[in-house]
C-alpha cells in the first residue's frame, strides 16, 4: 500500500513495529501468571485480530479478557508475583503494570458496560498462539460485539469490524451475533450496511436472512410511533461526543434500567476523557 507524503512523492506505509524482547517477555509473563493461578482468560485486541484477519497491528498494550468474578483472583496472582495491578474502571477494566511503562489490560466488559465477558466467550473461543504461548482467542462474534460500539472522534473500530466480517463471515455464528446485540441491533445493522458498501464482491458473506430480518425490523420501527421518552443512545457509542445532548436533558442510555452502568461509573468514565481520551493515550478495546 502506498501513501502520499508530499505532492508527487510516494512512500510505502511503514511495516508494523514488532514489540521488543522485554515487552514480549512481560506479555509472556502475564500469560504464565494467569495460567499458573488457574484463571481462565482469552487473548483479544490486536493479537486476536491478526490471527483472524492476517492484518498485523502491534499496539502499546496487551488485552486479556476474563470474567468479572475472576478479576480479583487474577489481580491477587499478579500481586504475588510482584506486579502492580489496579482496577482502573470498576465497570470494565483492570490494569497490570510492568517495567518501563508497560502494562496489560484485564478486560471484563466494555467501556459502555454492554459487552460483559461471560461463559459464551469461553465456550466459543478459538485456539491460537501468541508470544510462544498456546492461548485461547476471543471469538470473532464477541470481538465484533465489543468493537462495533467504539465510535469516538479519536477512535473508530468500524474498519476492524468490516475486516472480521470479510475474514470470518462464512463461518460466523450469525444467530449468536444477533442475540448479542439485542436491542442494539441498529448498531449491527449499520456495520453490515457499510460492509456491503466497502466490499461489494463479498456482501454474500452476510446471509440474506440476516439482512431481511434487520430490514424488517427497521421498517416496523420506522412505521410505528416514535417513543415518548427522551433517551439518547449516543453515549453508548461515544462517551464524549454526546455530552451536549445529556446537558440538554436527554437521558443517558448507559444508565440502568436501560443500560448497565451506575451514575458513579458514568461520571468516572467521563472524567477520564481528559486523561485517556487523547488520541495518543486512549484505552478502549
Protein backbone atom coordinates (compact mmCIF):
# COMPACT_ATOMS: atom_id res chain seq x y z
CA UNK A 1 0.00 0.00 0.00
CA UNK A 2 1.27 3.49 -0.80
CA UNK A 3 0.52 6.83 0.76
CA UNK A 4 1.28 10.35 -0.44
CA UNK A 5 3.60 12.15 1.96
CA UNK A 6 4.36 15.16 -0.23
CA UNK A 7 2.93 16.34 -3.55
CA UNK A 8 4.18 13.99 -6.22
CA UNK A 9 6.08 11.78 -3.75
CA UNK A 10 5.05 8.25 -2.80
CA UNK A 11 6.24 6.16 0.12
CA UNK A 12 5.25 2.79 1.48
CA UNK A 13 3.17 2.56 4.64
CA UNK A 14 5.56 1.57 7.46
CA UNK A 15 5.55 -2.07 8.49
CA UNK A 16 4.02 -2.74 11.92
CA UNK A 17 6.55 -2.47 14.70
CA UNK A 18 7.04 -5.81 16.48
CA UNK A 19 7.30 -5.47 20.28
CA UNK A 20 10.86 -5.69 21.52
CA UNK A 21 12.03 -8.66 23.58
CA UNK A 22 11.47 -7.04 27.02
CA UNK A 23 7.89 -6.24 26.01
CA UNK A 24 7.28 -9.74 24.73
CA UNK A 25 8.81 -11.18 27.91
CA UNK A 26 6.38 -9.14 30.03
CA UNK A 27 3.42 -10.30 27.96
CA UNK A 28 4.57 -13.93 28.23
CA UNK A 29 4.95 -13.49 31.98
CA UNK A 30 1.36 -12.17 32.21
CA UNK A 31 0.08 -15.24 30.39
CA UNK A 32 2.12 -17.51 32.67
CA UNK A 33 0.85 -15.81 35.84
CA UNK A 34 -2.77 -16.45 34.91
CA UNK A 35 -2.06 -19.99 33.70
CA UNK A 36 -0.27 -20.88 36.93
CA UNK A 37 -3.10 -19.40 39.01
CA UNK A 38 -5.71 -21.31 37.02
CA UNK A 39 -7.55 -18.13 35.99
CA UNK A 40 -9.36 -18.60 32.66
CA UNK A 41 -8.58 -15.83 30.18
CA UNK A 42 -8.73 -15.03 26.48
CA UNK A 43 -6.39 -13.00 24.29
CA UNK A 44 -8.13 -10.22 22.39
CA UNK A 45 -7.24 -6.92 20.83
CA UNK A 46 -4.69 -6.64 18.05
CA UNK A 47 -3.25 -10.10 18.63
CA UNK A 48 -6.55 -11.93 18.18
CA UNK A 49 -7.47 -9.61 15.32
CA UNK A 50 -4.29 -10.50 13.43
CA UNK A 51 -4.91 -14.24 13.75
CA UNK A 52 -8.43 -13.91 12.37
CA UNK A 53 -7.69 -11.42 9.58
CA UNK A 54 -3.97 -11.70 8.83
CA UNK A 55 -3.64 -7.95 9.45
CA UNK A 56 -0.86 -7.28 11.95
CA UNK A 57 -1.02 -4.23 14.15
CA UNK A 58 1.16 -4.10 17.22
CA UNK A 59 -0.17 -1.79 19.91
CA UNK A 60 1.22 -0.46 23.16
CA UNK A 61 -0.84 -2.83 25.31
CA UNK A 62 -1.89 -6.46 25.58
CA UNK A 63 -5.58 -7.23 26.07
CA UNK A 64 -6.55 -10.21 28.24
CA UNK A 65 -10.27 -10.90 28.71
CA UNK A 66 -11.67 -12.63 31.76
CA UNK A 67 -14.92 -12.87 33.68
CA UNK A 68 -15.68 -10.26 36.31
CA UNK A 69 -15.85 -12.92 39.00
CA UNK A 70 -12.24 -13.91 38.24
CA UNK A 71 -10.80 -10.39 38.33
CA UNK A 72 -9.78 -10.29 41.99
CA UNK A 73 -8.19 -13.73 41.79
CA UNK A 74 -6.22 -12.59 38.74
CA UNK A 75 -5.06 -9.42 40.45
CA UNK A 76 -4.01 -11.34 43.55
CA UNK A 77 -1.96 -13.68 41.35
CA UNK A 78 -0.15 -10.69 39.85
CA UNK A 79 0.46 -9.15 43.27
CA UNK A 80 2.00 -12.40 44.45
CA UNK A 81 4.47 -12.18 41.57
CA UNK A 82 5.48 -8.63 42.45
CA UNK A 83 3.40 -6.75 39.87
CA UNK A 84 1.20 -3.73 40.50
CA UNK A 85 -2.41 -4.32 39.38
CA UNK A 86 -5.28 -1.89 39.82
CA UNK A 87 -8.95 -1.65 38.93
CA UNK A 88 -8.89 1.29 36.54
CA UNK A 89 -12.67 1.38 35.99
CA UNK A 90 -14.83 -0.88 38.11
CA UNK A 91 -17.36 -1.45 35.33
CA UNK A 92 -14.95 -2.90 32.75
CA UNK A 93 -11.16 -2.60 33.13
CA UNK A 94 -8.22 -3.55 35.31
CA UNK A 95 -4.54 -2.97 34.54
CA UNK A 96 -1.30 -4.67 35.45
CA UNK A 97 1.80 -2.50 35.32
CA UNK A 98 5.21 -3.85 34.42
CA UNK A 99 8.66 -2.35 33.87
CA UNK A 100 9.38 0.70 31.70
CA UNK A 101 5.76 1.81 31.42
CA UNK A 102 4.49 -1.50 30.08
CA UNK A 103 1.01 -2.68 31.03
CA UNK A 104 -1.54 -5.40 30.38
CA UNK A 105 -5.27 -4.73 30.29
CA UNK A 106 -7.58 -7.08 32.17
CA UNK A 107 -10.92 -6.59 30.45
CA UNK A 108 -14.18 -7.97 31.83
CA UNK A 109 -16.71 -5.82 29.97
CA UNK A 110 -16.65 -2.78 27.68
CA UNK A 111 -16.42 0.94 28.30
CA UNK A 112 -20.16 1.34 27.69
CA UNK A 113 -21.00 -1.56 30.04
CA UNK A 114 -22.58 -3.69 27.30
CA UNK A 115 -20.14 -6.40 26.21
CA UNK A 116 -19.82 -8.28 29.51
CA UNK A 117 -17.45 -11.25 29.35
CA UNK A 118 -19.49 -14.36 30.16
CA UNK A 119 -19.30 -18.12 29.69
CA UNK A 120 -20.11 -17.92 25.98
CA UNK A 121 -16.87 -16.06 25.31
CA UNK A 122 -15.01 -19.12 26.57
CA UNK A 123 -17.34 -21.72 25.07
CA UNK A 124 -16.72 -20.37 21.56
CA UNK A 125 -13.10 -19.28 21.99
CA UNK A 126 -10.64 -20.28 19.27
CA UNK A 127 -7.17 -21.77 19.82
CA UNK A 128 -4.21 -19.55 18.99
CA UNK A 129 -0.55 -18.99 19.69
CA UNK A 130 0.75 -15.65 20.93
CA UNK A 131 4.30 -14.84 22.04
CA UNK A 132 5.25 -18.53 22.00
CA UNK A 133 2.33 -19.46 24.23
CA UNK A 134 -0.72 -21.56 23.38
CA UNK A 135 -3.78 -19.49 24.26
CA UNK A 136 -7.48 -19.12 23.60
CA UNK A 137 -8.64 -16.17 21.48
CA UNK A 138 -11.78 -14.08 21.95
CA UNK A 139 -14.42 -15.36 19.49
CA UNK A 140 -14.83 -13.17 16.40
CA UNK A 141 -18.53 -12.67 17.20
CA UNK A 142 -17.72 -11.22 20.62
CA UNK A 143 -14.94 -9.08 19.14
CA UNK A 144 -17.46 -7.59 16.71
CA UNK A 145 -19.96 -7.06 19.54
CA UNK A 146 -17.37 -5.16 21.55
CA UNK A 147 -15.75 -3.20 18.71
CA UNK A 148 -18.95 -2.17 16.94
CA UNK A 149 -19.73 0.41 19.64
CA UNK A 150 -16.34 2.15 19.59
CA UNK A 151 -17.11 5.29 17.61
CA UNK A 152 -15.16 8.08 19.28
CA UNK A 153 -13.67 11.03 17.41
CA UNK A 154 -10.19 9.69 18.12
CA UNK A 155 -11.01 6.04 17.53
CA UNK A 156 -13.48 4.26 15.29
CA UNK A 157 -13.29 0.46 15.09
CA UNK A 158 -15.58 0.10 12.08
CA UNK A 159 -12.73 -0.98 9.81
CA UNK A 160 -11.83 -3.75 12.26
CA UNK A 161 -15.44 -4.92 12.24
CA UNK A 162 -15.51 -4.95 8.43
CA UNK A 163 -12.24 -6.89 8.24
CA UNK A 164 -13.54 -9.53 10.65
CA UNK A 165 -16.74 -9.89 8.62
CA UNK A 166 -14.63 -10.30 5.48
CA UNK A 167 -12.34 -12.89 7.05
CA UNK A 168 -14.89 -14.84 9.08
CA UNK A 169 -18.31 -14.11 7.61
CA UNK A 170 -18.71 -17.55 6.07
CA UNK A 171 -18.09 -19.20 9.46
CA UNK A 172 -19.85 -16.64 11.65
CA UNK A 173 -22.42 -17.76 14.22
CA UNK A 174 -24.96 -15.24 12.98
CA UNK A 175 -27.80 -16.14 15.40
CA UNK A 176 -25.45 -15.70 18.37
CA UNK A 177 -24.08 -12.45 17.00
CA UNK A 178 -27.57 -11.02 16.52
CA UNK A 179 -28.57 -12.16 20.00
CA UNK A 180 -25.53 -10.36 21.43
CA UNK A 181 -26.68 -7.03 20.02
CA UNK A 182 -30.27 -7.48 21.18
CA UNK A 183 -31.98 -4.10 21.50
CA UNK A 184 -28.87 -2.51 19.95
CA UNK A 185 -29.48 -4.28 16.64
CA UNK A 186 -29.32 -0.98 14.72
CA UNK A 187 -25.59 -0.80 15.53
CA UNK A 188 -25.00 -4.21 13.96
CA UNK A 189 -27.23 -3.26 11.02
CA UNK A 190 -25.22 -0.10 10.36
CA UNK A 191 -21.97 -2.06 10.20
CA UNK A 192 -23.50 -4.65 7.87
CA UNK A 193 -24.79 -1.94 5.52
CA UNK A 194 -21.31 -0.41 5.45
CA UNK A 195 -19.73 -3.84 4.90
CA UNK A 196 -21.74 -4.29 1.71
CA UNK A 197 -20.58 -0.84 0.61
CA UNK A 198 -16.93 -1.46 1.46
CA UNK A 199 -16.74 -4.93 -0.10
CA UNK A 200 -19.49 -5.26 -2.74
CA UNK A 201 -17.94 -8.50 -4.01
CA UNK A 202 -18.13 -10.03 -0.51
CA UNK A 203 -21.59 -8.93 0.56
CA UNK A 204 -22.85 -12.52 0.13
CA UNK A 205 -20.79 -13.39 3.22
CA UNK A 206 -23.69 -11.90 5.18
CA UNK A 207 -26.61 -14.37 4.88
CA UNK A 208 -29.64 -12.91 3.15
CA UNK A 209 -31.86 -13.92 6.08
CA UNK A 210 -29.80 -11.69 8.39
CA UNK A 211 -30.33 -8.61 6.26
CA UNK A 212 -34.01 -9.50 5.68
CA UNK A 213 -34.55 -9.82 9.42
CA UNK A 214 -32.89 -6.50 10.16
CA UNK A 215 -34.56 -4.76 7.21
CA UNK A 216 -37.94 -5.94 8.54
CA UNK A 217 -37.15 -4.62 12.00
CA UNK A 218 -36.19 -1.26 10.53
CA UNK A 219 -39.41 -1.00 8.51
CA UNK A 220 -41.52 -1.95 11.52
CA UNK A 221 -39.75 0.53 13.75
CA UNK A 222 -39.82 3.44 11.32
CA UNK A 223 -43.51 2.95 10.55
CA UNK A 224 -44.55 2.93 14.21
CA UNK A 225 -44.84 5.82 16.62
CA UNK A 226 -41.61 7.24 17.98
CA UNK A 227 -41.00 6.68 21.71
CA UNK A 228 -42.02 9.49 24.00
CA UNK A 229 -39.02 9.17 26.32
CA UNK A 230 -36.06 11.44 25.58
CA UNK A 231 -33.31 8.82 25.71
CA UNK A 232 -30.04 9.34 23.85
CA UNK A 233 -28.14 6.22 22.78
CA UNK A 234 -25.22 8.33 21.59
CA UNK A 235 -23.15 7.90 24.78
CA UNK A 236 -23.23 4.13 24.18
CA UNK A 237 -21.11 4.84 21.09
CA UNK A 238 -19.05 7.78 22.32
CA UNK A 239 -18.59 8.90 25.89
CA UNK A 240 -17.60 12.41 24.75
CA UNK A 241 -19.44 13.50 21.63
CA UNK A 242 -22.97 13.37 23.05
CA UNK A 243 -22.33 15.19 26.31
CA UNK A 244 -24.14 18.30 24.96
CA UNK A 245 -27.27 16.19 24.48
CA UNK A 246 -27.15 14.98 28.07
CA UNK A 247 -26.73 18.56 29.21
CA UNK A 248 -29.81 19.37 27.11
CA UNK A 249 -31.92 16.99 29.15
CA UNK A 250 -31.65 13.67 27.33
CA UNK A 251 -31.47 10.54 29.46
CA UNK A 252 -28.22 8.57 29.19
CA UNK A 253 -28.88 5.11 27.69
CA UNK A 254 -25.88 3.72 29.56
CA UNK A 255 -27.69 4.10 32.88
CA UNK A 256 -29.97 1.49 34.41
CA UNK A 257 -32.66 0.46 33.74
CA UNK A 258 -31.88 0.95 30.02
CA UNK A 259 -28.15 0.25 30.35
CA UNK A 260 -25.82 -1.45 32.82
CA UNK A 261 -23.88 1.43 34.35
CA UNK A 262 -24.37 3.46 37.51
CA UNK A 263 -24.18 7.24 37.68
CA UNK A 264 -20.86 6.93 39.53
CA UNK A 265 -19.40 4.71 36.81
CA UNK A 266 -20.55 7.07 34.07
CA UNK A 267 -19.06 10.02 35.94
CA UNK A 268 -15.70 8.27 36.37
CA UNK A 269 -15.62 7.19 32.72
CA UNK A 270 -16.49 10.74 31.60
CA UNK A 271 -13.95 12.34 33.91
CA UNK A 272 -11.24 10.14 32.41
CA UNK A 273 -11.70 11.75 28.98
CA UNK A 274 -9.13 14.38 29.90
CA UNK A 275 -6.61 11.63 30.68
CA UNK A 276 -7.15 8.83 28.21
CA UNK A 277 -9.44 10.45 25.68
CA UNK A 278 -6.40 11.85 23.92
CA UNK A 279 -5.81 10.07 20.57
CA UNK A 280 -2.38 9.03 21.78
CA UNK A 281 -3.50 7.54 25.09
CA UNK A 282 -6.97 6.14 24.56
CA UNK A 283 -7.68 2.87 26.37
CA UNK A 284 -10.63 1.07 24.83
CA UNK A 285 -10.91 -2.38 23.30
